[in-house]
Amino acid sequence: MNSNFDDIFSFEDASKTYKKYKGKCKTDADCPDDLTCLYDNFCQLSFQCSEHDLTRCYNYNKDREDYMKYRGSCVSNKDCLTNSCIDGNCSGRLVYCSVGSGEAECGLDTGETCTKDSECLEHNCKDGICEKYDASKDFNRLALIVVIGILIFLLICYYLWPKLFVRRCRSWSFEECEFVLFK
């Protein structure tokens, strides 16, 4: 796998390099450099960064063993992706980032604590925990909009019908009625 980045790179560099890339794929081999083929057939670079320092990022798909050197035991802060070595162990949270197909974003992983949807990569903070994206949220919102639209249409028809379509009748017989529009 070719790589455009050193071990540690910045979110900004990854974004500048791959955000506009919109290649289709069936396998990882169809994607350039460090990008992988996602389930929706788009190439994307997935990586992790220090939560508070987006200049310290690492492509965990590149080399799993090499990646662990930034997550496990440490001697100094520079040994950790989070730049925080406490009692010989790397500490601090990481954010997951993805770049490609016109997008570049970072957020907390599923299971991390959160206070709002925008903190999570999946944009779904439920009861203080990041959860997988919930497509039913969008469906429920759309269904509600459709139902409200139908109700408004029916109310308009109910109230405007007598005003728009006035019937003049000479008797109670339907055949003898004349329909007049806008009178």
N, C-alpha and C. Protein backbone atom coordinates (compact mmCIF):
# COMPACT_ATOMS: atom_id res chain seq x y z
N MET A 1 0.85 -1.17 0.00
CA MET A 1 0.00 0.00 0.00
C MET A 1 0.89 1.23 0.00
N ASN A 2 0.71 2.10 -0.94
CA ASN A 2 1.43 3.37 -0.97
C ASN A 2 0.84 4.28 0.09
N SER A 3 1.68 5.18 0.60
CA SER A 3 1.18 6.12 1.59
C SER A 3 1.71 7.51 1.29
N ASN A 4 0.82 8.48 1.35
CA ASN A 4 1.21 9.87 1.15
C ASN A 4 1.62 10.53 2.47
N PHE A 5 1.51 9.81 3.59
CA PHE A 5 1.74 10.40 4.89
C PHE A 5 2.82 9.66 5.67
N ASP A 6 3.49 10.42 6.55
CA ASP A 6 4.40 9.82 7.51
C ASP A 6 3.54 9.12 8.55
N ASP A 7 4.20 8.55 9.56
CA ASP A 7 3.45 7.90 10.64
C ASP A 7 2.41 8.84 11.23
N ILE A 8 2.84 10.01 11.65
CA ILE A 8 1.94 10.99 12.25
C ILE A 8 1.70 12.11 11.24
N PHE A 9 0.43 12.42 11.01
CA PHE A 9 0.07 13.47 10.05
C PHE A 9 -1.09 14.27 10.62
N SER A 10 -1.48 15.33 9.96
CA SER A 10 -2.57 16.17 10.46
C SER A 10 -3.87 15.90 9.70
N PHE A 11 -4.97 16.16 10.37
CA PHE A 11 -6.29 16.05 9.75
C PHE A 11 -6.37 16.99 8.55
N GLU A 12 -5.80 18.17 8.68
CA GLU A 12 -5.82 19.15 7.59
C GLU A 12 -5.11 18.62 6.35
N ASP A 13 -3.95 17.97 6.54
CA ASP A 13 -3.22 17.40 5.40
C ASP A 13 -4.05 16.31 4.72
N ALA A 14 -4.67 15.44 5.52
CA ALA A 14 -5.50 14.37 4.95
C ALA A 14 -6.68 14.95 4.20
N SER A 15 -7.29 15.99 4.77
CA SER A 15 -8.44 16.62 4.14
C SER A 15 -8.06 17.27 2.81
N LYS A 16 -6.95 17.98 2.78
CA LYS A 16 -6.49 18.62 1.55
C LYS A 16 -6.18 17.58 0.47
N THR A 17 -5.65 16.44 0.89
CA THR A 17 -5.22 15.42 -0.07
C THR A 17 -6.39 14.61 -0.63
N TYR A 18 -7.36 14.24 0.21
CA TYR A 18 -8.37 13.27 -0.21
C TYR A 18 -9.83 13.71 -0.16
N LYS A 19 -10.15 14.85 0.43
CA LYS A 19 -11.56 15.23 0.58
C LYS A 19 -12.30 15.24 -0.75
N LYS A 20 -11.68 15.75 -1.80
CA LYS A 20 -12.37 15.87 -3.09
C LYS A 20 -12.34 14.59 -3.91
N TYR A 21 -11.60 13.57 -3.45
CA TYR A 21 -11.53 12.33 -4.21
C TYR A 21 -12.88 11.61 -4.14
N LYS A 22 -13.44 11.25 -5.31
CA LYS A 22 -14.76 10.62 -5.35
C LYS A 22 -14.76 9.36 -6.20
N GLY A 23 -13.73 8.54 -6.08
CA GLY A 23 -13.67 7.32 -6.88
C GLY A 23 -14.61 6.23 -6.39
N LYS A 24 -15.16 5.49 -7.32
CA LYS A 24 -16.00 4.33 -7.00
C LYS A 24 -15.09 3.11 -6.84
N CYS A 25 -15.54 2.12 -6.10
CA CYS A 25 -14.72 0.94 -5.88
C CYS A 25 -15.58 -0.28 -5.58
N LYS A 26 -14.96 -1.43 -5.74
CA LYS A 26 -15.56 -2.70 -5.33
C LYS A 26 -14.69 -3.36 -4.26
N THR A 27 -13.36 -3.11 -4.35
CA THR A 27 -12.42 -3.63 -3.36
C THR A 27 -11.42 -2.53 -3.01
N ASP A 28 -10.64 -2.75 -1.95
CA ASP A 28 -9.63 -1.78 -1.54
C ASP A 28 -8.62 -1.51 -2.65
N ALA A 29 -8.37 -2.51 -3.49
CA ALA A 29 -7.39 -2.35 -4.58
C ALA A 29 -7.83 -1.29 -5.60
N ASP A 30 -9.13 -0.99 -5.65
CA ASP A 30 -9.64 0.03 -6.57
C ASP A 30 -9.40 1.45 -6.06
N CYS A 31 -8.96 1.58 -4.80
CA CYS A 31 -8.75 2.89 -4.18
C CYS A 31 -7.26 3.23 -4.16
N PRO A 32 -6.93 4.51 -4.30
CA PRO A 32 -5.52 4.91 -4.28
C PRO A 32 -4.95 4.96 -2.86
N ASP A 33 -3.65 4.84 -2.77
CA ASP A 33 -2.89 5.07 -1.55
C ASP A 33 -3.50 4.36 -0.33
N ASP A 34 -3.77 5.13 0.72
CA ASP A 34 -4.24 4.58 1.99
C ASP A 34 -5.76 4.46 2.09
N LEU A 35 -6.48 4.81 1.04
CA LEU A 35 -7.94 4.78 1.10
C LEU A 35 -8.44 3.34 1.05
N THR A 36 -9.60 3.11 1.70
CA THR A 36 -10.23 1.80 1.67
C THR A 36 -11.61 1.91 1.05
N CYS A 37 -12.10 0.81 0.53
CA CYS A 37 -13.41 0.77 -0.12
C CYS A 37 -14.48 0.52 0.94
N LEU A 38 -15.41 1.44 1.05
CA LEU A 38 -16.47 1.31 2.04
C LEU A 38 -17.65 0.51 1.49
N TYR A 39 -18.58 0.16 2.35
CA TYR A 39 -19.75 -0.63 1.99
C TYR A 39 -20.60 0.03 0.91
N ASP A 40 -20.53 1.36 0.81
CA ASP A 40 -21.33 2.06 -0.20
C ASP A 40 -20.55 2.33 -1.48
N ASN A 41 -19.45 1.58 -1.67
CA ASN A 41 -18.62 1.61 -2.88
C ASN A 41 -17.91 2.94 -3.13
N PHE A 42 -17.56 3.64 -2.07
CA PHE A 42 -16.76 4.85 -2.17
C PHE A 42 -15.45 4.65 -1.43
N CYS A 43 -14.39 5.27 -1.96
CA CYS A 43 -13.07 5.21 -1.33
C CYS A 43 -12.98 6.27 -0.24
N GLN A 44 -12.42 5.87 0.91
CA GLN A 44 -12.31 6.81 2.01
C GLN A 44 -11.10 6.47 2.87
N LEU A 45 -10.45 7.49 3.40
CA LEU A 45 -9.35 7.31 4.34
C LEU A 45 -9.93 7.39 5.74
N SER A 46 -9.73 6.33 6.53
CA SER A 46 -10.20 6.31 7.91
C SER A 46 -8.98 6.30 8.82
N PHE A 47 -9.00 7.15 9.84
CA PHE A 47 -7.84 7.24 10.73
C PHE A 47 -8.28 7.81 12.07
N GLN A 48 -7.35 7.85 13.03
CA GLN A 48 -7.63 8.39 14.34
C GLN A 48 -6.71 9.57 14.63
N CYS A 49 -7.22 10.51 15.42
CA CYS A 49 -6.43 11.67 15.85
C CYS A 49 -6.62 11.85 17.35
N SER A 50 -5.68 12.56 17.94
CA SER A 50 -5.82 12.96 19.33
C SER A 50 -7.05 13.87 19.43
N GLU A 51 -7.86 13.66 20.45
CA GLU A 51 -9.11 14.43 20.58
C GLU A 51 -8.86 15.94 20.60
N HIS A 52 -7.79 16.36 21.23
CA HIS A 52 -7.54 17.79 21.39
C HIS A 52 -6.41 18.32 20.51
N ASP A 53 -5.90 17.48 19.60
CA ASP A 53 -4.81 17.91 18.73
C ASP A 53 -4.91 17.19 17.38
N LEU A 54 -5.60 17.81 16.43
CA LEU A 54 -5.81 17.17 15.13
C LEU A 54 -4.58 17.22 14.23
N THR A 55 -3.44 17.61 14.80
CA THR A 55 -2.19 17.51 14.04
C THR A 55 -1.49 16.19 14.35
N ARG A 56 -2.06 15.41 15.26
CA ARG A 56 -1.48 14.11 15.63
C ARG A 56 -2.48 13.01 15.25
N CYS A 57 -2.38 12.57 14.00
CA CYS A 57 -3.28 11.54 13.47
C CYS A 57 -2.46 10.35 12.97
N TYR A 58 -3.12 9.18 12.94
CA TYR A 58 -2.45 7.97 12.46
C TYR A 58 -3.46 7.10 11.71
N ASN A 59 -3.03 6.56 10.58
CA ASN A 59 -3.87 5.66 9.79
C ASN A 59 -3.77 4.26 10.38
N TYR A 60 -4.74 3.86 11.17
CA TYR A 60 -4.69 2.56 11.85
C TYR A 60 -4.85 1.39 10.89
N ASN A 61 -5.30 1.63 9.67
CA ASN A 61 -5.40 0.54 8.68
C ASN A 61 -4.05 0.22 8.04
N LYS A 62 -3.12 1.14 8.17
CA LYS A 62 -1.82 1.00 7.52
C LYS A 62 -1.00 -0.15 8.11
N ASP A 63 -0.85 -0.16 9.42
CA ASP A 63 -0.03 -1.17 10.08
C ASP A 63 -0.50 -1.30 11.52
N ARG A 64 -1.24 -2.35 11.81
CA ARG A 64 -1.83 -2.53 13.14
C ARG A 64 -0.76 -2.58 14.24
N GLU A 65 0.33 -3.31 14.02
CA GLU A 65 1.37 -3.41 15.04
C GLU A 65 2.01 -2.04 15.29
N ASP A 66 2.28 -1.33 14.21
CA ASP A 66 2.88 -0.01 14.33
C ASP A 66 1.92 0.94 15.06
N TYR A 67 0.64 0.78 14.80
CA TYR A 67 -0.37 1.62 15.43
C TYR A 67 -0.37 1.44 16.94
N MET A 68 -0.18 0.21 17.41
CA MET A 68 -0.22 -0.06 18.84
C MET A 68 0.90 0.65 19.59
N LYS A 69 1.98 0.97 18.89
CA LYS A 69 3.06 1.68 19.59
C LYS A 69 2.60 3.07 20.04
N TYR A 70 1.55 3.60 19.44
CA TYR A 70 1.02 4.91 19.84
C TYR A 70 -0.14 4.79 20.83
N ARG A 71 -0.53 3.59 21.19
CA ARG A 71 -1.68 3.38 22.07
C ARG A 71 -1.33 2.66 23.36
N GLY A 72 -0.24 1.93 23.40
CA GLY A 72 0.07 1.09 24.56
C GLY A 72 0.98 1.75 25.56
N SER A 73 2.08 1.04 25.87
CA SER A 73 3.02 1.56 26.86
C SER A 73 3.88 2.66 26.23
N CYS A 74 4.43 3.52 27.11
CA CYS A 74 5.19 4.67 26.63
C CYS A 74 6.27 5.05 27.63
N VAL A 75 7.22 5.82 27.15
CA VAL A 75 8.26 6.37 28.01
C VAL A 75 8.07 7.89 28.13
N SER A 76 7.66 8.51 27.01
CA SER A 76 7.44 9.96 27.01
C SER A 76 6.17 10.29 26.23
N ASN A 77 5.72 11.52 26.31
CA ASN A 77 4.48 11.95 25.64
C ASN A 77 4.52 11.72 24.14
N LYS A 78 5.68 11.91 23.51
CA LYS A 78 5.77 11.76 22.05
C LYS A 78 5.53 10.32 21.59
N ASP A 79 5.58 9.36 22.53
CA ASP A 79 5.31 7.96 22.19
C ASP A 79 3.82 7.70 22.00
N CYS A 80 2.99 8.64 22.38
CA CYS A 80 1.53 8.45 22.35
C CYS A 80 0.88 9.35 21.29
N LEU A 81 -0.12 8.83 20.62
CA LEU A 81 -0.87 9.62 19.65
C LEU A 81 -1.56 10.80 20.34
N THR A 82 -1.97 10.59 21.58
CA THR A 82 -2.62 11.64 22.36
C THR A 82 -1.62 12.63 22.95
N ASN A 83 -0.33 12.32 22.79
CA ASN A 83 0.74 13.15 23.34
C ASN A 83 0.64 13.23 24.87
N SER A 84 0.16 12.13 25.48
CA SER A 84 -0.01 12.09 26.93
C SER A 84 0.39 10.71 27.46
N CYS A 85 1.56 10.66 28.09
CA CYS A 85 2.07 9.42 28.69
C CYS A 85 1.98 9.58 30.20
N ILE A 86 1.16 8.76 30.84
CA ILE A 86 0.98 8.82 32.29
C ILE A 86 1.29 7.46 32.88
N ASP A 87 2.24 7.42 33.79
CA ASP A 87 2.65 6.19 34.47
C ASP A 87 2.99 5.08 33.48
N GLY A 88 3.65 5.41 32.39
CA GLY A 88 4.10 4.42 31.42
C GLY A 88 3.04 3.94 30.45
N ASN A 89 1.85 4.54 30.47
CA ASN A 89 0.77 4.16 29.55
C ASN A 89 0.22 5.39 28.84
N CYS A 90 -0.10 5.22 27.56
CA CYS A 90 -0.72 6.31 26.80
C CYS A 90 -2.12 6.53 27.34
N SER A 91 -2.49 7.80 27.52
CA SER A 91 -3.83 8.10 28.02
C SER A 91 -4.45 9.19 27.15
N GLY A 92 -5.72 9.41 27.33
CA GLY A 92 -6.44 10.41 26.55
C GLY A 92 -7.29 9.76 25.48
N ARG A 93 -8.30 10.49 25.04
CA ARG A 93 -9.22 9.95 24.04
C ARG A 93 -8.77 10.28 22.63
N LEU A 94 -9.17 9.40 21.72
CA LEU A 94 -8.93 9.61 20.30
C LEU A 94 -10.26 9.84 19.61
N VAL A 95 -10.23 10.56 18.51
CA VAL A 95 -11.42 10.71 17.68
C VAL A 95 -11.17 9.95 16.38
N TYR A 96 -12.23 9.40 15.84
CA TYR A 96 -12.15 8.72 14.55
C TYR A 96 -12.45 9.74 13.46
N CYS A 97 -11.68 9.68 12.39
CA CYS A 97 -11.85 10.63 11.30
C CYS A 97 -12.00 9.89 9.98
N SER A 98 -12.69 10.50 9.05
CA SER A 98 -12.81 9.93 7.70
C SER A 98 -12.77 11.07 6.70
N VAL A 99 -12.07 10.81 5.60
CA VAL A 99 -11.90 11.81 4.55
C VAL A 99 -12.09 11.13 3.20
N GLY A 100 -12.83 11.77 2.30
CA GLY A 100 -13.06 11.24 0.96
C GLY A 100 -14.50 11.43 0.55
N SER A 101 -14.78 11.29 -0.73
CA SER A 101 -16.13 11.42 -1.26
C SER A 101 -16.77 12.75 -0.89
N GLY A 102 -15.96 13.81 -0.87
CA GLY A 102 -16.48 15.14 -0.60
C GLY A 102 -16.66 15.46 0.87
N GLU A 103 -16.26 14.57 1.76
CA GLU A 103 -16.45 14.80 3.19
C GLU A 103 -15.12 14.71 3.92
N ALA A 104 -15.04 15.40 5.04
CA ALA A 104 -13.89 15.32 5.94
C ALA A 104 -14.42 15.63 7.33
N GLU A 105 -14.47 14.63 8.21
CA GLU A 105 -15.02 14.86 9.54
C GLU A 105 -14.36 13.97 10.57
N CYS A 106 -14.44 14.40 11.81
CA CYS A 106 -13.94 13.64 12.95
C CYS A 106 -15.02 13.61 14.02
N GLY A 107 -14.99 12.57 14.83
CA GLY A 107 -15.92 12.49 15.94
C GLY A 107 -15.57 11.32 16.84
N LEU A 108 -16.21 11.29 17.98
CA LEU A 108 -15.97 10.22 18.93
C LEU A 108 -16.54 8.91 18.42
N ASP A 109 -15.91 7.82 18.80
CA ASP A 109 -16.32 6.49 18.36
C ASP A 109 -17.54 6.01 19.15
N THR A 110 -18.20 5.01 18.64
CA THR A 110 -19.32 4.37 19.32
C THR A 110 -18.87 3.90 20.70
N GLY A 111 -19.67 4.22 21.71
CA GLY A 111 -19.35 3.82 23.08
C GLY A 111 -18.70 4.91 23.91
N GLU A 112 -18.22 5.97 23.27
CA GLU A 112 -17.59 7.08 24.00
C GLU A 112 -18.66 7.97 24.62
N THR A 113 -18.32 8.65 25.71
CA THR A 113 -19.26 9.56 26.34
C THR A 113 -19.36 10.86 25.53
N CYS A 114 -20.56 11.42 25.50
CA CYS A 114 -20.82 12.62 24.69
C CYS A 114 -21.92 13.45 25.34
N THR A 115 -22.06 14.68 24.87
CA THR A 115 -23.14 15.53 25.35
C THR A 115 -24.09 15.95 24.23
N LYS A 116 -23.63 15.83 22.96
CA LYS A 116 -24.50 16.21 21.84
C LYS A 116 -24.12 15.40 20.59
N ASP A 117 -25.05 15.30 19.65
CA ASP A 117 -24.86 14.51 18.43
C ASP A 117 -23.61 14.90 17.66
N SER A 118 -23.31 16.19 17.60
CA SER A 118 -22.19 16.67 16.78
C SER A 118 -20.83 16.19 17.29
N GLU A 119 -20.74 15.71 18.51
CA GLU A 119 -19.47 15.19 19.04
C GLU A 119 -19.16 13.80 18.51
N CYS A 120 -20.16 13.08 18.04
CA CYS A 120 -19.99 11.68 17.62
C CYS A 120 -19.79 11.58 16.11
N LEU A 121 -18.92 10.67 15.69
CA LEU A 121 -18.69 10.47 14.25
C LEU A 121 -19.98 10.04 13.56
N GLU A 122 -20.79 9.25 14.25
CA GLU A 122 -22.06 8.78 13.69
C GLU A 122 -23.20 9.79 13.91
N HIS A 123 -22.91 10.93 14.53
CA HIS A 123 -23.89 11.99 14.80
C HIS A 123 -25.10 11.47 15.56
N ASN A 124 -24.84 10.60 16.57
CA ASN A 124 -25.94 10.04 17.34
C ASN A 124 -25.50 9.87 18.80
N CYS A 125 -25.73 10.89 19.61
CA CYS A 125 -25.43 10.85 21.05
C CYS A 125 -26.74 10.55 21.77
N LYS A 126 -26.82 9.37 22.36
CA LYS A 126 -28.05 8.96 23.03
C LYS A 126 -27.73 8.63 24.48
N ASP A 127 -28.39 9.30 25.39
CA ASP A 127 -28.18 9.11 26.83
C ASP A 127 -26.71 9.25 27.21
N GLY A 128 -26.01 10.20 26.59
CA GLY A 128 -24.63 10.49 26.94
C GLY A 128 -23.60 9.55 26.36
N ILE A 129 -24.00 8.67 25.42
CA ILE A 129 -23.08 7.71 24.80
C ILE A 129 -23.24 7.79 23.28
N CYS A 130 -22.10 7.83 22.56
CA CYS A 130 -22.16 7.80 21.10
C CYS A 130 -22.64 6.43 20.64
N GLU A 131 -23.63 6.42 19.77
CA GLU A 131 -24.17 5.16 19.24
C GLU A 131 -24.10 5.18 17.72
N LYS A 132 -24.33 4.01 17.13
CA LYS A 132 -24.35 3.90 15.67
C LYS A 132 -25.43 4.83 15.12
N TYR A 133 -25.24 5.26 13.88
CA TYR A 133 -26.20 6.15 13.22
C TYR A 133 -27.57 5.50 13.19
N ASP A 134 -28.58 6.26 13.51
CA ASP A 134 -29.95 5.76 13.56
C ASP A 134 -30.75 6.34 12.40
N ALA A 135 -30.87 5.56 11.32
CA ALA A 135 -31.58 6.03 10.12
C ALA A 135 -33.06 6.26 10.41
N SER A 136 -33.60 5.62 11.45
CA SER A 136 -35.02 5.80 11.75
C SER A 136 -35.31 7.24 12.19
N LYS A 137 -34.30 7.96 12.72
CA LYS A 137 -34.50 9.37 13.07
C LYS A 137 -34.94 10.16 11.85
N ASP A 138 -34.22 9.98 10.74
CA ASP A 138 -34.55 10.70 9.51
C ASP A 138 -35.90 10.26 8.97
N PHE A 139 -36.19 8.95 9.02
CA PHE A 139 -37.45 8.43 8.52
C PHE A 139 -38.61 8.97 9.36
N ASN A 140 -38.46 8.97 10.68
CA ASN A 140 -39.52 9.47 11.56
C ASN A 140 -39.78 10.95 11.30
N ARG A 141 -38.73 11.72 11.09
CA ARG A 141 -38.87 13.15 10.80
C ARG A 141 -39.62 13.35 9.49
N LEU A 142 -39.25 12.59 8.46
CA LEU A 142 -39.90 12.69 7.15
C LEU A 142 -41.37 12.27 7.24
N ALA A 143 -41.64 11.18 7.95
CA ALA A 143 -43.02 10.71 8.10
C ALA A 143 -43.87 11.77 8.80
N LEU A 144 -43.33 12.41 9.81
CA LEU A 144 -44.05 13.46 10.53
C LEU A 144 -44.36 14.63 9.60
N ILE A 145 -43.40 15.03 8.80
CA ILE A 145 -43.60 16.14 7.85
C ILE A 145 -44.69 15.79 6.84
N VAL A 146 -44.69 14.56 6.33
CA VAL A 146 -45.70 14.13 5.36
C VAL A 146 -47.09 14.14 6.01
N VAL A 147 -47.22 13.61 7.22
CA VAL A 147 -48.51 13.57 7.90
C VAL A 147 -49.02 14.98 8.15
N ILE A 148 -48.16 15.87 8.62
CA ILE A 148 -48.56 17.26 8.86
C ILE A 148 -48.99 17.92 7.55
N GLY A 149 -48.26 17.66 6.47
CA GLY A 149 -48.61 18.21 5.16
C GLY A 149 -49.98 17.75 4.70
N ILE A 150 -50.27 16.48 4.88
CA ILE A 150 -51.58 15.93 4.48
C ILE A 150 -52.69 16.57 5.32
N LEU A 151 -52.47 16.70 6.63
CA LEU A 151 -53.48 17.31 7.49
C LEU A 151 -53.74 18.77 7.10
N ILE A 152 -52.70 19.50 6.81
CA ILE A 152 -52.87 20.90 6.38
C ILE A 152 -53.66 20.95 5.08
N PHE A 153 -53.34 20.09 4.14
CA PHE A 153 -54.06 20.04 2.86
C PHE A 153 -55.54 19.74 3.09
N LEU A 154 -55.84 18.76 3.94
CA LEU A 154 -57.24 18.41 4.21
C LEU A 154 -57.99 19.55 4.89
N LEU A 155 -57.33 20.24 5.83
CA LEU A 155 -57.97 21.38 6.48
C LEU A 155 -58.25 22.50 5.50
N ILE A 156 -57.31 22.77 4.63
CA ILE A 156 -57.51 23.81 3.61
C ILE A 156 -58.69 23.44 2.72
N CYS A 157 -58.73 22.19 2.28
CA CYS A 157 -59.85 21.74 1.43
C CYS A 157 -61.18 21.86 2.16
N TYR A 158 -61.22 21.48 3.42
CA TYR A 158 -62.45 21.50 4.20
C TYR A 158 -62.99 22.93 4.35
N TYR A 159 -62.09 23.86 4.66
CA TYR A 159 -62.53 25.24 4.88
C TYR A 159 -62.71 26.04 3.60
N LEU A 160 -61.98 25.74 2.57
CA LEU A 160 -62.08 26.52 1.34
C LEU A 160 -63.08 25.96 0.34
N TRP A 161 -63.46 24.71 0.47
CA TRP A 161 -64.38 24.09 -0.49
C TRP A 161 -65.66 24.90 -0.66
N PRO A 162 -66.34 25.27 0.40
CA PRO A 162 -67.58 26.04 0.20
C PRO A 162 -67.33 27.42 -0.42
N LYS A 163 -66.19 28.01 -0.19
CA LYS A 163 -65.90 29.33 -0.73
C LYS A 163 -65.46 29.27 -2.19
N LEU A 164 -64.79 28.21 -2.56
CA LEU A 164 -64.29 28.09 -3.93
C LEU A 164 -65.36 27.55 -4.89
N PHE A 165 -66.13 26.62 -4.42
CA PHE A 165 -67.12 25.99 -5.28
C PHE A 165 -68.51 26.19 -4.69
N VAL A 166 -69.17 27.21 -5.13
CA VAL A 166 -70.51 27.53 -4.64
C VAL A 166 -71.52 26.91 -5.59
N ARG A 167 -72.53 26.29 -5.04
CA ARG A 167 -73.53 25.62 -5.86
C ARG A 167 -74.83 26.43 -5.80
N ARG A 168 -75.31 26.79 -6.96
CA ARG A 168 -76.61 27.47 -7.03
C ARG A 168 -77.65 26.45 -7.43
N CYS A 169 -78.64 26.35 -6.63
CA CYS A 169 -79.68 25.37 -6.94
C CYS A 169 -81.05 26.05 -7.01
N ARG A 170 -81.83 25.59 -7.99
CA ARG A 170 -83.20 26.08 -8.10
C ARG A 170 -84.13 25.18 -7.30
N SER A 171 -83.68 23.99 -7.04
CA SER A 171 -84.45 23.07 -6.20
C SER A 171 -83.46 22.16 -5.50
N TRP A 172 -83.94 21.21 -4.78
CA TRP A 172 -83.06 20.29 -4.06
C TRP A 172 -82.53 19.19 -4.96
N SER A 173 -82.93 19.14 -6.18
CA SER A 173 -82.51 18.09 -7.09
C SER A 173 -81.10 18.41 -7.62
N PHE A 174 -80.23 17.45 -7.59
CA PHE A 174 -78.84 17.63 -8.02
C PHE A 174 -78.75 18.03 -9.49
N GLU A 175 -79.60 17.47 -10.33
CA GLU A 175 -79.57 17.77 -11.75
C GLU A 175 -79.89 19.22 -12.05
N GLU A 176 -80.60 19.87 -11.17
CA GLU A 176 -81.00 21.25 -11.41
C GLU A 176 -80.03 22.26 -10.79
N CYS A 177 -78.90 21.78 -10.26
CA CYS A 177 -77.92 22.67 -9.63
C CYS A 177 -76.87 23.10 -10.64
N GLU A 178 -76.42 24.31 -10.48
CA GLU A 178 -75.38 24.86 -11.35
C GLU A 178 -74.16 25.13 -10.45
N PHE A 179 -72.99 24.58 -10.84
CA PHE A 179 -71.78 24.79 -10.05
C PHE A 179 -71.07 26.03 -10.55
N VAL A 180 -70.78 26.92 -9.65
CA VAL A 180 -70.13 28.17 -10.01
C VAL A 180 -68.79 28.23 -9.27
N LEU A 181 -67.74 28.49 -10.01
CA LEU A 181 -66.40 28.55 -9.43
C LEU A 181 -66.09 29.97 -8.98
N PHE A 182 -65.55 30.12 -7.78
CA PHE A 182 -65.11 31.41 -7.21
C PHE A 182 -66.23 32.45 -7.14
N LYS A 183 -67.30 32.13 -6.52
CA LYS A 183 -68.36 33.12 -6.36
C LYS A 183 -68.76 33.23 -4.94
